Amino acid sequence: MSGIINGGGDNDSLLNDVKKYIDLNIDYLKVAGTEKLAIILSSIAVVAAVMILGGIALFYISFSGVYLIESWVGSESLAYLVVGIIMLILLAIVYAFRMKLIVNPIARFVSKLFLDKSK
């Protein structure tokens, strides 16, 4: 660079510096992309594990609810119907608040991951 400032013809050195700078930026983007991809994949794995375990827990809680409600209503089939209706109500609530509960947190996570300049 000193060749340009001093009026010399050191263009080859400048060209080499620019090539090194571009190569370093490409390497940085590869490393940063790999890091962010690893974070996303690990987050997906954690969410999947939590959903599977939560589904299993909800399954057992539902059966215990059936047995509890059966003692109140006196009929096992009616207890299953009540638990099914409760599950449908919970599904409707989650669907109604899907933006607030699901979409916005995911969008916030991804935008912080890719747009955060603190790293």
PDB file of N, CA and C in Angstrom:
ATOM      1  N   MET A   1       0.799  -1.177   0.000  1.00  0.00           N
ATOM      2  CA  MET A   1       0.000   0.000   0.000  1.00  0.00           C
ATOM      3  C   MET A   1       0.853   1.257   0.000  1.00  0.00           C
ATOM      4  N   SER A   2       2.040   1.140   0.555  1.00  0.00           N
ATOM      5  CA  SER A   2       2.904   2.321   0.629  1.00  0.00           C
ATOM      6  C   SER A   2       3.317   2.782  -0.751  1.00  0.00           C
ATOM      7  N   GLY A   3       3.278   1.855  -1.753  1.00  0.00           N
ATOM      8  CA  GLY A   3       3.633   2.238  -3.114  1.00  0.00           C
ATOM      9  C   GLY A   3       2.629   3.210  -3.693  1.00  0.00           C
ATOM     10  N   ILE A   4       1.379   3.078  -3.367  1.00  0.00           N
ATOM     11  CA  ILE A   4       0.364   4.003  -3.882  1.00  0.00           C
ATOM     12  C   ILE A   4       0.500   5.343  -3.201  1.00  0.00           C
ATOM     13  N   ILE A   5       0.741   5.335  -1.903  1.00  0.00           N
ATOM     14  CA  ILE A   5       0.864   6.592  -1.168  1.00  0.00           C
ATOM     15  C   ILE A   5       2.107   7.342  -1.633  1.00  0.00           C
ATOM     16  N   ASN A   6       3.191   6.639  -1.854  1.00  0.00           N
ATOM     17  CA  ASN A   6       4.442   7.279  -2.261  1.00  0.00           C
ATOM     18  C   ASN A   6       4.519   7.489  -3.771  1.00  0.00           C
ATOM     19  N   GLY A   7       3.502   7.072  -4.493  1.00  0.00           N
ATOM     20  CA  GLY A   7       3.512   7.273  -5.931  1.00  0.00           C
ATOM     21  C   GLY A   7       4.247   6.188  -6.683  1.00  0.00           C
ATOM     22  N   GLY A   8       4.629   5.095  -6.016  1.00  0.00           N
ATOM     23  CA  GLY A   8       5.358   4.008  -6.655  1.00  0.00           C
ATOM     24  C   GLY A   8       4.421   3.078  -7.394  1.00  0.00           C
ATOM     25  N   GLY A   9       4.961   2.077  -8.036  1.00  0.00           N
ATOM     26  CA  GLY A   9       4.170   1.156  -8.821  1.00  0.00           C
ATOM     27  C   GLY A   9       4.057  -0.204  -8.174  1.00  0.00           C
ATOM     28  N   ASP A  10       3.718  -0.267  -6.914  1.00  0.00           N
ATOM     29  CA  ASP A  10       3.646  -1.523  -6.175  1.00  0.00           C
ATOM     30  C   ASP A  10       2.233  -2.096  -6.239  1.00  0.00           C
ATOM     31  N   ASN A  11       1.711  -2.203  -7.460  1.00  0.00           N
ATOM     32  CA  ASN A  11       0.344  -2.695  -7.645  1.00  0.00           C
ATOM     33  C   ASN A  11       0.228  -4.187  -7.363  1.00  0.00           C
ATOM     34  N   ASP A  12       1.289  -4.955  -7.602  1.00  0.00           N
ATOM     35  CA  ASP A  12       1.240  -6.389  -7.332  1.00  0.00           C
ATOM     36  C   ASP A  12       1.060  -6.658  -5.839  1.00  0.00           C
ATOM     37  N   SER A  13       1.720  -5.882  -5.004  1.00  0.00           N
ATOM     38  CA  SER A  13       1.589  -6.039  -3.558  1.00  0.00           C
ATOM     39  C   SER A  13       0.166  -5.697  -3.116  1.00  0.00           C
ATOM     40  N   LEU A  14      -0.394  -4.640  -3.686  1.00  0.00           N
ATOM     41  CA  LEU A  14      -1.761  -4.250  -3.362  1.00  0.00           C
ATOM     42  C   LEU A  14      -2.735  -5.332  -3.808  1.00  0.00           C
ATOM     43  N   LEU A  15      -2.530  -5.872  -4.997  1.00  0.00           N
ATOM     44  CA  LEU A  15      -3.397  -6.922  -5.511  1.00  0.00           C
ATOM     45  C   LEU A  15      -3.311  -8.171  -4.632  1.00  0.00           C
ATOM     46  N   ASN A  16      -2.110  -8.519  -4.182  1.00  0.00           N
ATOM     47  CA  ASN A  16      -1.947  -9.663  -3.279  1.00  0.00           C
ATOM     48  C   ASN A  16      -2.645  -9.421  -1.942  1.00  0.00           C
ATOM     49  N   ASP A  17      -2.550  -8.189  -1.427  1.00  0.00           N
ATOM     50  CA  ASP A  17      -3.226  -7.857  -0.174  1.00  0.00           C
ATOM     51  C   ASP A  17      -4.743  -7.957  -0.320  1.00  0.00           C
ATOM     52  N   VAL A  18      -5.267  -7.515  -1.444  1.00  0.00           N
ATOM     53  CA  VAL A  18      -6.708  -7.592  -1.685  1.00  0.00           C
ATOM     54  C   VAL A  18      -7.138  -9.059  -1.788  1.00  0.00           C
ATOM     55  N   LYS A  19      -6.354  -9.891  -2.480  1.00  0.00           N
ATOM     56  CA  LYS A  19      -6.675 -11.310  -2.594  1.00  0.00           C
ATOM     57  C   LYS A  19      -6.655 -11.982  -1.224  1.00  0.00           C
ATOM     58  N   LYS A  20      -5.658 -11.655  -0.394  1.00  0.00           N
ATOM     59  CA  LYS A  20      -5.589 -12.218   0.958  1.00  0.00           C
ATOM     60  C   LYS A  20      -6.803 -11.790   1.784  1.00  0.00           C
ATOM     61  N   TYR A  21      -7.177 -10.508   1.641  1.00  0.00           N
ATOM     62  CA  TYR A  21      -8.326  -9.987   2.376  1.00  0.00           C
ATOM     63  C   TYR A  21      -9.598 -10.721   1.968  1.00  0.00           C
ATOM     64  N   ILE A  22      -9.789 -10.932   0.677  1.00  0.00           N
ATOM     65  CA  ILE A  22     -10.968 -11.639   0.187  1.00  0.00           C
ATOM     66  C   ILE A  22     -10.958 -13.091   0.665  1.00  0.00           C
ATOM     67  N   ASP A  23      -9.803 -13.754   0.596  1.00  0.00           N
ATOM     68  CA  ASP A  23      -9.696 -15.134   1.068  1.00  0.00           C
ATOM     69  C   ASP A  23      -9.993 -15.241   2.566  1.00  0.00           C
ATOM     70  N   LEU A  24      -9.491 -14.286   3.341  1.00  0.00           N
ATOM     71  CA  LEU A  24      -9.762 -14.297   4.783  1.00  0.00           C
ATOM     72  C   LEU A  24     -11.241 -14.076   5.075  1.00  0.00           C
ATOM     73  N   ASN A  25     -11.872 -13.185   4.315  1.00  0.00           N
ATOM     74  CA  ASN A  25     -13.310 -12.962   4.514  1.00  0.00           C
ATOM     75  C   ASN A  25     -14.120 -14.191   4.145  1.00  0.00           C
ATOM     76  N   ILE A  26     -13.733 -14.883   3.090  1.00  0.00           N
ATOM     77  CA  ILE A  26     -14.423 -16.116   2.707  1.00  0.00           C
ATOM     78  C   ILE A  26     -14.259 -17.169   3.794  1.00  0.00           C
ATOM     79  N   ASP A  27     -13.049 -17.304   4.326  1.00  0.00           N
ATOM     80  CA  ASP A  27     -12.820 -18.253   5.418  1.00  0.00           C
ATOM     81  C   ASP A  27     -13.641 -17.890   6.653  1.00  0.00           C
ATOM     82  N   TYR A  28     -13.723 -16.597   6.961  1.00  0.00           N
ATOM     83  CA  TYR A  28     -14.515 -16.145   8.103  1.00  0.00           C
ATOM     84  C   TYR A  28     -15.988 -16.483   7.898  1.00  0.00           C
ATOM     85  N   LEU A  29     -16.499 -16.241   6.698  1.00  0.00           N
ATOM     86  CA  LEU A  29     -17.903 -16.551   6.417  1.00  0.00           C
ATOM     87  C   LEU A  29     -18.181 -18.047   6.523  1.00  0.00           C
ATOM     88  N   LYS A  30     -17.227 -18.868   6.096  1.00  0.00           N
ATOM     89  CA  LYS A  30     -17.398 -20.318   6.228  1.00  0.00           C
ATOM     90  C   LYS A  30     -17.466 -20.721   7.698  1.00  0.00           C
ATOM     91  N   VAL A  31     -16.562 -20.191   8.499  1.00  0.00           N
ATOM     92  CA  VAL A  31     -16.536 -20.531   9.930  1.00  0.00           C
ATOM     93  C   VAL A  31     -17.804 -20.010  10.619  1.00  0.00           C
ATOM     94  N   ALA A  32     -18.183 -18.769  10.332  1.00  0.00           N
ATOM     95  CA  ALA A  32     -19.386 -18.203  10.953  1.00  0.00           C
ATOM     96  C   ALA A  32     -20.633 -18.963  10.514  1.00  0.00           C
ATOM     97  N   GLY A  33     -20.711 -19.327   9.248  1.00  0.00           N
ATOM     98  CA  GLY A  33     -21.851 -20.093   8.758  1.00  0.00           C
ATOM     99  C   GLY A  33     -21.930 -21.467   9.393  1.00  0.00           C
ATOM    100  N   THR A  34     -20.789 -22.108   9.547  1.00  0.00           N
ATOM    101  CA  THR A  34     -20.753 -23.419  10.190  1.00  0.00           C
ATOM    102  C   THR A  34     -21.199 -23.322  11.644  1.00  0.00           C
ATOM    103  N   GLU A  35     -20.751 -22.285  12.332  1.00  0.00           N
ATOM    104  CA  GLU A  35     -21.143 -22.091  13.731  1.00  0.00           C
ATOM    105  C   GLU A  35     -22.644 -21.885  13.844  1.00  0.00           C
ATOM    106  N   LYS A  36     -23.187 -21.049  12.991  1.00  0.00           N
ATOM    107  CA  LYS A  36     -24.621 -20.765  13.055  1.00  0.00           C
ATOM    108  C   LYS A  36     -25.448 -21.986  12.658  1.00  0.00           C
ATOM    109  N   LEU A  37     -24.973 -22.752  11.686  1.00  0.00           N
ATOM    110  CA  LEU A  37     -25.665 -23.975  11.298  1.00  0.00           C
ATOM    111  C   LEU A  37     -25.654 -24.988  12.438  1.00  0.00           C
ATOM    112  N   ALA A  38     -24.540 -25.082  13.137  1.00  0.00           N
ATOM    113  CA  ALA A  38     -24.451 -25.991  14.288  1.00  0.00           C
ATOM    114  C   ALA A  38     -25.416 -25.566  15.388  1.00  0.00           C
ATOM    115  N   ILE A  39     -25.534 -24.271  15.623  1.00  0.00           N
ATOM    116  CA  ILE A  39     -26.458 -23.775  16.646  1.00  0.00           C
ATOM    117  C   ILE A  39     -27.896 -24.089  16.254  1.00  0.00           C
ATOM    118  N   ILE A  40     -28.236 -23.866  14.985  1.00  0.00           N
ATOM    119  CA  ILE A  40     -29.599 -24.140  14.527  1.00  0.00           C
ATOM    120  C   ILE A  40     -29.916 -25.628  14.627  1.00  0.00           C
ATOM    121  N   LEU A  41     -29.004 -26.481  14.166  1.00  0.00           N
ATOM    122  CA  LEU A  41     -29.255 -27.922  14.214  1.00  0.00           C
ATOM    123  C   LEU A  41     -29.360 -28.441  15.640  1.00  0.00           C
ATOM    124  N   SER A  42     -28.512 -27.930  16.531  1.00  0.00           N
ATOM    125  CA  SER A  42     -28.604 -28.365  17.924  1.00  0.00           C
ATOM    126  C   SER A  42     -29.897 -27.864  18.564  1.00  0.00           C
ATOM    127  N   SER A  43     -30.344 -26.681  18.191  1.00  0.00           N
ATOM    128  CA  SER A  43     -31.620 -26.175  18.711  1.00  0.00           C
ATOM    129  C   SER A  43     -32.782 -27.018  18.215  1.00  0.00           C
ATOM    130  N   ILE A  44     -32.727 -27.421  16.952  1.00  0.00           N
ATOM    131  CA  ILE A  44     -33.776 -28.287  16.405  1.00  0.00           C
ATOM    132  C   ILE A  44     -33.788 -29.625  17.146  1.00  0.00           C
ATOM    133  N   ALA A  45     -32.614 -30.167  17.427  1.00  0.00           N
ATOM    134  CA  ALA A  45     -32.534 -31.440  18.147  1.00  0.00           C
ATOM    135  C   ALA A  45     -33.105 -31.314  19.555  1.00  0.00           C
ATOM    136  N   VAL A  46     -32.803 -30.214  20.230  1.00  0.00           N
ATOM    137  CA  VAL A  46     -33.321 -30.004  21.587  1.00  0.00           C
ATOM    138  C   VAL A  46     -34.838 -29.864  21.551  1.00  0.00           C
ATOM    139  N   VAL A  47     -35.351 -29.079  20.600  1.00  0.00           N
ATOM    140  CA  VAL A  47     -36.799 -28.891  20.499  1.00  0.00           C
ATOM    141  C   VAL A  47     -37.486 -30.226  20.186  1.00  0.00           C
ATOM    142  N   ALA A  48     -36.891 -31.017  19.303  1.00  0.00           N
ATOM    143  CA  ALA A  48     -37.476 -32.317  18.971  1.00  0.00           C
ATOM    144  C   ALA A  48     -37.505 -33.224  20.198  1.00  0.00           C
ATOM    145  N   ALA A  49     -36.424 -33.262  20.956  1.00  0.00           N
ATOM    146  CA  ALA A  49     -36.378 -34.098  22.156  1.00  0.00           C
ATOM    147  C   ALA A  49     -37.409 -33.634  23.181  1.00  0.00           C
ATOM    148  N   VAL A  50     -37.521 -32.326  23.363  1.00  0.00           N
ATOM    149  CA  VAL A  50     -38.493 -31.797  24.325  1.00  0.00           C
ATOM    150  C   VAL A  50     -39.917 -32.119  23.872  1.00  0.00           C
ATOM    151  N   MET A  51     -40.170 -32.002  22.565  1.00  0.00           N
ATOM    152  CA  MET A  51     -41.514 -32.299  22.063  1.00  0.00           C
ATOM    153  C   MET A  51     -41.854 -33.783  22.232  1.00  0.00           C
ATOM    154  N   ILE A  52     -40.902 -34.649  21.954  1.00  0.00           N
ATOM    155  CA  ILE A  52     -41.153 -36.083  22.108  1.00  0.00           C
ATOM    156  C   ILE A  52     -41.400 -36.430  23.571  1.00  0.00           C
ATOM    157  N   LEU A  53     -40.524 -35.961  24.450  1.00  0.00           N
ATOM    158  CA  LEU A  53     -40.709 -36.245  25.877  1.00  0.00           C
ATOM    159  C   LEU A  53     -41.968 -35.580  26.424  1.00  0.00           C
ATOM    160  N   GLY A  54     -42.259 -34.373  25.956  1.00  0.00           N
ATOM    161  CA  GLY A  54     -43.483 -33.699  26.378  1.00  0.00           C
ATOM    162  C   GLY A  54     -44.722 -34.434  25.902  1.00  0.00           C
ATOM    163  N   GLY A  55     -44.670 -34.980  24.679  1.00  0.00           N
ATOM    164  CA  GLY A  55     -45.793 -35.762  24.173  1.00  0.00           C
ATOM    165  C   GLY A  55     -46.023 -37.023  24.982  1.00  0.00           C
ATOM    166  N   ILE A  56     -44.934 -37.671  25.346  1.00  0.00           N
ATOM    167  CA  ILE A  56     -45.047 -38.871  26.178  1.00  0.00           C
ATOM    168  C   ILE A  56     -45.629 -38.515  27.548  1.00  0.00           C
ATOM    169  N   ALA A  57     -45.136 -37.429  28.131  1.00  0.00           N
ATOM    170  CA  ALA A  57     -45.659 -37.005  29.429  1.00  0.00           C
ATOM    171  C   ALA A  57     -47.140 -36.638  29.331  1.00  0.00           C
ATOM    172  N   LEU A  58     -47.511 -35.928  28.253  1.00  0.00           N
ATOM    173  CA  LEU A  58     -48.915 -35.567  28.063  1.00  0.00           C
ATOM    174  C   LEU A  58     -49.789 -36.805  27.893  1.00  0.00           C
ATOM    175  N   PHE A  59     -49.267 -37.816  27.237  1.00  0.00           N
ATOM    176  CA  PHE A  59     -49.980 -39.077  27.056  1.00  0.00           C
ATOM    177  C   PHE A  59     -50.306 -39.709  28.409  1.00  0.00           C
ATOM    178  N   TYR A  60     -49.307 -39.796  29.280  1.00  0.00           N
ATOM    179  CA  TYR A  60     -49.529 -40.403  30.598  1.00  0.00           C
ATOM    180  C   TYR A  60     -50.402 -39.526  31.488  1.00  0.00           C
ATOM    181  N   ILE A  61     -50.232 -38.226  31.398  1.00  0.00           N
ATOM    182  CA  ILE A  61     -51.080 -37.317  32.175  1.00  0.00           C
ATOM    183  C   ILE A  61     -52.534 -37.443  31.724  1.00  0.00           C
ATOM    184  N   SER A  62     -52.735 -37.617  30.428  1.00  0.00           N
ATOM    185  CA  SER A  62     -54.099 -37.797  29.910  1.00  0.00           C
ATOM    186  C   SER A  62     -54.739 -39.055  30.473  1.00  0.00           C
ATOM    187  N   PHE A  63     -53.987 -40.139  30.509  1.00  0.00           N
ATOM    188  CA  PHE A  63     -54.545 -41.370  31.071  1.00  0.00           C
ATOM    189  C   PHE A  63     -54.850 -41.229  32.555  1.00  0.00           C
ATOM    190  N   SER A  64     -53.979 -40.550  33.266  1.00  0.00           N
ATOM    191  CA  SER A  64     -54.278 -40.357  34.689  1.00  0.00           C
ATOM    192  C   SER A  64     -55.489 -39.442  34.852  1.00  0.00           C
ATOM    193  N   GLY A  65     -55.627 -38.481  33.949  1.00  0.00           N
ATOM    194  CA  GLY A  65     -56.822 -37.631  33.981  1.00  0.00           C
ATOM    195  C   GLY A  65     -58.085 -38.414  33.687  1.00  0.00           C
ATOM    196  N   VAL A  66     -57.982 -39.360  32.761  1.00  0.00           N
ATOM    197  CA  VAL A  66     -59.137 -40.215  32.460  1.00  0.00           C
ATOM    198  C   VAL A  66     -59.560 -40.983  33.702  1.00  0.00           C
ATOM    199  N   TYR A  67     -58.614 -41.573  34.403  1.00  0.00           N
ATOM    200  CA  TYR A  67     -58.959 -42.349  35.598  1.00  0.00           C
ATOM    201  C   TYR A  67     -59.510 -41.453  36.703  1.00  0.00           C
ATOM    202  N   LEU A  68     -58.996 -40.241  36.803  1.00  0.00           N
ATOM    203  CA  LEU A  68     -59.507 -39.302  37.802  1.00  0.00           C
ATOM    204  C   LEU A  68     -60.930 -38.876  37.454  1.00  0.00           C
ATOM    205  N   ILE A  69     -61.151 -38.527  36.198  1.00  0.00           N
ATOM    206  CA  ILE A  69     -62.477 -38.077  35.778  1.00  0.00           C
ATOM    207  C   ILE A  69     -63.482 -39.231  35.825  1.00  0.00           C
ATOM    208  N   GLU A  70     -63.012 -40.447  35.559  1.00  0.00           N
ATOM    209  CA  GLU A  70     -63.896 -41.614  35.620  1.00  0.00           C
ATOM    210  C   GLU A  70     -64.485 -41.781  37.020  1.00  0.00           C
ATOM    211  N   SER A  71     -63.680 -41.502  38.022  1.00  0.00           N
ATOM    212  CA  SER A  71     -64.195 -41.622  39.393  1.00  0.00           C
ATOM    213  C   SER A  71     -65.261 -40.557  39.675  1.00  0.00           C
ATOM    214  N   TRP A  72     -65.237 -39.448  38.970  1.00  0.00           N
ATOM    215  CA  TRP A  72     -66.228 -38.385  39.168  1.00  0.00           C
ATOM    216  C   TRP A  72     -67.501 -38.641  38.361  1.00  0.00           C
ATOM    217  N   VAL A  73     -67.321 -39.056  37.065  1.00  0.00           N
ATOM    218  CA  VAL A  73     -68.495 -39.190  36.198  1.00  0.00           C
ATOM    219  C   VAL A  73     -69.054 -40.602  36.172  1.00  0.00           C
ATOM    220  N   GLY A  74     -68.269 -41.591  36.562  1.00  0.00           N
ATOM    221  CA  GLY A  74     -68.751 -42.951  36.647  1.00  0.00           C
ATOM    222  C   GLY A  74     -68.665 -43.749  35.352  1.00  0.00           C
ATOM    223  N   SER A  75     -68.155 -43.177  34.297  1.00  0.00           N
ATOM    224  CA  SER A  75     -68.072 -43.889  33.025  1.00  0.00           C
ATOM    225  C   SER A  75     -66.703 -43.643  32.398  1.00  0.00           C
ATOM    226  N   GLU A  76     -66.050 -44.730  32.016  1.00  0.00           N
ATOM    227  CA  GLU A  76     -64.721 -44.596  31.419  1.00  0.00           C
ATOM    228  C   GLU A  76     -64.787 -43.929  30.047  1.00  0.00           C
ATOM    229  N   SER A  77     -65.779 -44.299  29.254  1.00  0.00           N
ATOM    230  CA  SER A  77     -65.886 -43.707  27.910  1.00  0.00           C
ATOM    231  C   SER A  77     -66.196 -42.220  27.985  1.00  0.00           C
ATOM    232  N   LEU A  78     -67.006 -41.813  28.941  1.00  0.00           N
ATOM    233  CA  LEU A  78     -67.291 -40.387  29.123  1.00  0.00           C
ATOM    234  C   LEU A  78     -66.039 -39.646  29.591  1.00  0.00           C
ATOM    235  N   ALA A  79     -65.237 -40.290  30.419  1.00  0.00           N
ATOM    236  CA  ALA A  79     -63.987 -39.679  30.883  1.00  0.00           C
ATOM    237  C   ALA A  79     -63.024 -39.481  29.711  1.00  0.00           C
ATOM    238  N   TYR A  80     -62.944 -40.466  28.803  1.00  0.00           N
ATOM    239  CA  TYR A  80     -62.108 -40.304  27.610  1.00  0.00           C
ATOM    240  C   TYR A  80     -62.621 -39.144  26.737  1.00  0.00           C
ATOM    241  N   LEU A  81     -63.933 -39.027  26.653  1.00  0.00           N
ATOM    242  CA  LEU A  81     -64.515 -37.933  25.873  1.00  0.00           C
ATOM    243  C   LEU A  81     -64.152 -36.581  26.485  1.00  0.00           C
ATOM    244  N   VAL A  82     -64.231 -36.472  27.790  1.00  0.00           N
ATOM    245  CA  VAL A  82     -63.887 -35.211  28.471  1.00  0.00           C
ATOM    246  C   VAL A  82     -62.413 -34.869  28.248  1.00  0.00           C
ATOM    247  N   VAL A  83     -61.542 -35.850  28.395  1.00  0.00           N
ATOM    248  CA  VAL A  83     -60.103 -35.601  28.185  1.00  0.00           C
ATOM    249  C   VAL A  83     -59.846 -35.218  26.721  1.00  0.00           C
ATOM    250  N   GLY A  84     -60.512 -35.874  25.791  1.00  0.00           N
ATOM    251  CA  GLY A  84     -60.372 -35.521  24.377  1.00  0.00           C
ATOM    252  C   GLY A  84     -60.811 -34.100  24.094  1.00  0.00           C
ATOM    253  N   ILE A  85     -61.918 -33.680  24.705  1.00  0.00           N
ATOM    254  CA  ILE A  85     -62.394 -32.305  24.527  1.00  0.00           C
ATOM    255  C   ILE A  85     -61.409 -31.314  25.132  1.00  0.00           C
ATOM    256  N   ILE A  86     -60.847 -31.646  26.281  1.00  0.00           N
ATOM    257  CA  ILE A  86     -59.830 -30.767  26.897  1.00  0.00           C
ATOM    258  C   ILE A  86     -58.614 -30.638  25.975  1.00  0.00           C
ATOM    259  N   MET A  87     -58.201 -31.749  25.359  1.00  0.00           N
ATOM    260  CA  MET A  87     -57.066 -31.699  24.428  1.00  0.00           C
ATOM    261  C   MET A  87     -57.394 -30.842  23.211  1.00  0.00           C
ATOM    262  N   LEU A  88     -58.603 -30.946  22.701  1.00  0.00           N
ATOM    263  CA  LEU A  88     -59.007 -30.110  21.558  1.00  0.00           C
ATOM    264  C   LEU A  88     -59.032 -28.627  21.925  1.00  0.00           C
ATOM    265  N   ILE A  89     -59.464 -28.326  23.145  1.00  0.00           N
ATOM    266  CA  ILE A  89     -59.458 -26.931  23.603  1.00  0.00           C
ATOM    267  C   ILE A  89     -58.022 -26.419  23.703  1.00  0.00           C
ATOM    268  N   LEU A  90     -57.125 -27.242  24.253  1.00  0.00           N
ATOM    269  CA  LEU A  90     -55.712 -26.854  24.332  1.00  0.00           C
ATOM    270  C   LEU A  90     -55.121 -26.648  22.937  1.00  0.00           C
ATOM    271  N   LEU A  91     -55.480 -27.527  21.994  1.00  0.00           N
ATOM    272  CA  LEU A  91     -55.025 -27.385  20.615  1.00  0.00           C
ATOM    273  C   LEU A  91     -55.526 -26.083  20.005  1.00  0.00           C
ATOM    274  N   ALA A  92     -56.779 -25.746  20.251  1.00  0.00           N
ATOM    275  CA  ALA A  92     -57.345 -24.500  19.730  1.00  0.00           C
ATOM    276  C   ALA A  92     -56.643 -23.277  20.319  1.00  0.00           C
ATOM    277  N   ILE A  93     -56.313 -23.343  21.599  1.00  0.00           N
ATOM    278  CA  ILE A  93     -55.603 -22.225  22.243  1.00  0.00           C
ATOM    279  C   ILE A  93     -54.211 -22.058  21.635  1.00  0.00           C
ATOM    280  N   VAL A  94     -53.489 -23.161  21.471  1.00  0.00           N
ATOM    281  CA  VAL A  94     -52.151 -23.087  20.870  1.00  0.00           C
ATOM    282  C   VAL A  94     -52.250 -22.550  19.441  1.00  0.00           C
ATOM    283  N   TYR A  95     -53.239 -23.008  18.689  1.00  0.00           N
ATOM    284  CA  TYR A  95     -53.408 -22.530  17.310  1.00  0.00           C
ATOM    285  C   TYR A  95     -53.758 -21.045  17.288  1.00  0.00           C
ATOM    286  N   ALA A  96     -54.592 -20.604  18.207  1.00  0.00           N
ATOM    287  CA  ALA A  96     -54.986 -19.194  18.242  1.00  0.00           C
ATOM    288  C   ALA A  96     -53.801 -18.287  18.572  1.00  0.00           C
ATOM    289  N   PHE A  97     -52.908 -18.752  19.418  1.00  0.00           N
ATOM    290  CA  PHE A  97     -51.751 -17.947  19.825  1.00  0.00           C
ATOM    291  C   PHE A  97     -50.457 -18.432  19.169  1.00  0.00           C
ATOM    292  N   ARG A  98     -50.559 -19.046  17.993  1.00  0.00           N
ATOM    293  CA  ARG A  98     -49.381 -19.625  17.337  1.00  0.00           C
ATOM    294  C   ARG A  98     -48.337 -18.574  16.994  1.00  0.00           C
ATOM    295  N   MET A  99     -48.757 -17.376  16.618  1.00  0.00           N
ATOM    296  CA  MET A  99     -47.782 -16.327  16.297  1.00  0.00           C
ATOM    297  C   MET A  99     -46.978 -15.960  17.543  1.00  0.00           C
ATOM    298  N   LYS A 100     -47.674 -15.762  18.637  1.00  0.00           N
ATOM    299  CA  LYS A 100     -47.022 -15.347  19.884  1.00  0.00           C
ATOM    300  C   LYS A 100     -46.219 -16.475  20.518  1.00  0.00           C
ATOM    301  N   LEU A 101     -46.707 -17.708  20.414  1.00  0.00           N
ATOM    302  CA  LEU A 101     -46.064 -18.834  21.089  1.00  0.00           C
ATOM    303  C   LEU A 101     -44.992 -19.523  20.246  1.00  0.00           C
ATOM    304  N   ILE A 102     -45.149 -19.521  18.921  1.00  0.00           N
ATOM    305  CA  ILE A 102     -44.260 -20.323  18.078  1.00  0.00           C
ATOM    306  C   ILE A 102     -43.490 -19.470  17.080  1.00  0.00           C
ATOM    307  N   VAL A 103     -44.202 -18.736  16.241  1.00  0.00           N
ATOM    308  CA  VAL A 103     -43.568 -18.046  15.115  1.00  0.00           C
ATOM    309  C   VAL A 103     -42.647 -16.921  15.583  1.00  0.00           C
ATOM    310  N   ASN A 104     -43.131 -16.054  16.455  1.00  0.00           N
ATOM    311  CA  ASN A 104     -42.303 -14.922  16.899  1.00  0.00           C
ATOM    312  C   ASN A 104     -41.033 -15.355  17.643  1.00  0.00           C
ATOM    313  N   PRO A 105     -41.093 -16.319  18.572  1.00  0.00           N
ATOM    314  CA  PRO A 105     -39.840 -16.742  19.208  1.00  0.00           C
ATOM    315  C   PRO A 105     -38.833 -17.343  18.227  1.00  0.00           C
ATOM    316  N   ILE A 106     -39.315 -18.110  17.246  1.00  0.00           N
ATOM    317  CA  ILE A 106     -38.395 -18.679  16.256  1.00  0.00           C
ATOM    318  C   ILE A 106     -37.778 -17.571  15.407  1.00  0.00           C
ATOM    319  N   ALA A 107     -38.596 -16.614  14.978  1.00  0.00           N
ATOM    320  CA  ALA A 107     -38.079 -15.499  14.177  1.00  0.00           C
ATOM    321  C   ALA A 107     -37.074 -14.674  14.976  1.00  0.00           C
ATOM    322  N   ARG A 108     -37.361 -14.452  16.253  1.00  0.00           N
ATOM    323  CA  ARG A 108     -36.432 -13.695  17.104  1.00  0.00           C
ATOM    324  C   ARG A 108     -35.100 -14.437  17.260  1.00  0.00           C
ATOM    325  N   PHE A 109     -35.175 -15.750  17.462  1.00  0.00           N
ATOM    326  CA  PHE A 109     -33.969 -16.565  17.621  1.00  0.00           C
ATOM    327  C   PHE A 109     -33.108 -16.518  16.364  1.00  0.00           C
ATOM    328  N   VAL A 110     -33.738 -16.705  15.211  1.00  0.00           N
ATOM    329  CA  VAL A 110     -32.988 -16.725  13.951  1.00  0.00           C
ATOM    330  C   VAL A 110     -32.421 -15.344  13.640  1.00  0.00           C
ATOM    331  N   SER A 111     -33.202 -14.292  13.882  1.00  0.00           N
ATOM    332  CA  SER A 111     -32.693 -12.945  13.590  1.00  0.00           C
ATOM    333  C   SER A 111     -31.545 -12.573  14.524  1.00  0.00           C
ATOM    334  N   LYS A 112     -31.630 -12.949  15.798  1.00  0.00           N
ATOM    335  CA  LYS A 112     -30.503 -12.694  16.712  1.00  0.00           C
ATOM    336  C   LYS A 112     -29.273 -13.487  16.285  1.00  0.00           C
ATOM    337  N   LEU A 113     -29.502 -14.702  15.833  1.00  0.00           N
ATOM    338  CA  LEU A 113     -28.388 -15.564  15.443  1.00  0.00           C
ATOM    339  C   LEU A 113     -27.655 -14.998  14.236  1.00  0.00           C
ATOM    340  N   PHE A 114     -28.392 -14.537  13.239  1.00  0.00           N
ATOM    341  CA  PHE A 114     -27.762 -14.085  12.011  1.00  0.00           C
ATOM    342  C   PHE A 114     -27.449 -12.600  11.971  1.00  0.00           C
ATOM    343  N   LEU A 115     -28.158 -11.790  12.742  1.00  0.00           N
ATOM    344  CA  LEU A 115     -27.978 -10.339  12.655  1.00  0.00           C
ATOM    345  C   LEU A 115     -27.250  -9.731  13.844  1.00  0.00           C
ATOM    346  N   ASP A 116     -26.917 -10.518  14.859  1.00  0.00           N
ATOM    347  CA  ASP A 116     -26.238 -10.010  16.040  1.00  0.00           C
ATOM    348  C   ASP A 116     -24.797  -9.661  15.686  1.00  0.00           C
ATOM    349  N   LYS A 117     -24.431  -8.411  15.900  1.00  0.00           N
ATOM    350  CA  LYS A 117     -23.079  -7.930  15.567  1.00  0.00           C
ATOM    351  C   LYS A 117     -22.113  -7.981  16.742  1.00  0.00           C
ATOM    352  N   SER A 118     -22.553  -8.481  17.897  1.00  0.00           N
ATOM    353  CA  SER A 118     -21.685  -8.463  19.077  1.00  0.00           C
ATOM    354  C   SER A 118     -20.588  -9.504  19.009  1.00  0.00           C
ATOM    355  N   LYS A 119     -20.746 -10.546  18.179  1.00  0.00           N
ATOM    356  CA  LYS A 119     -19.713 -11.598  18.090  1.00  0.00           C
ATOM    357  C   LYS A 119     -18.612 -11.195  17.166  1.00  0.00           C
TER     358      LYS A 119
END
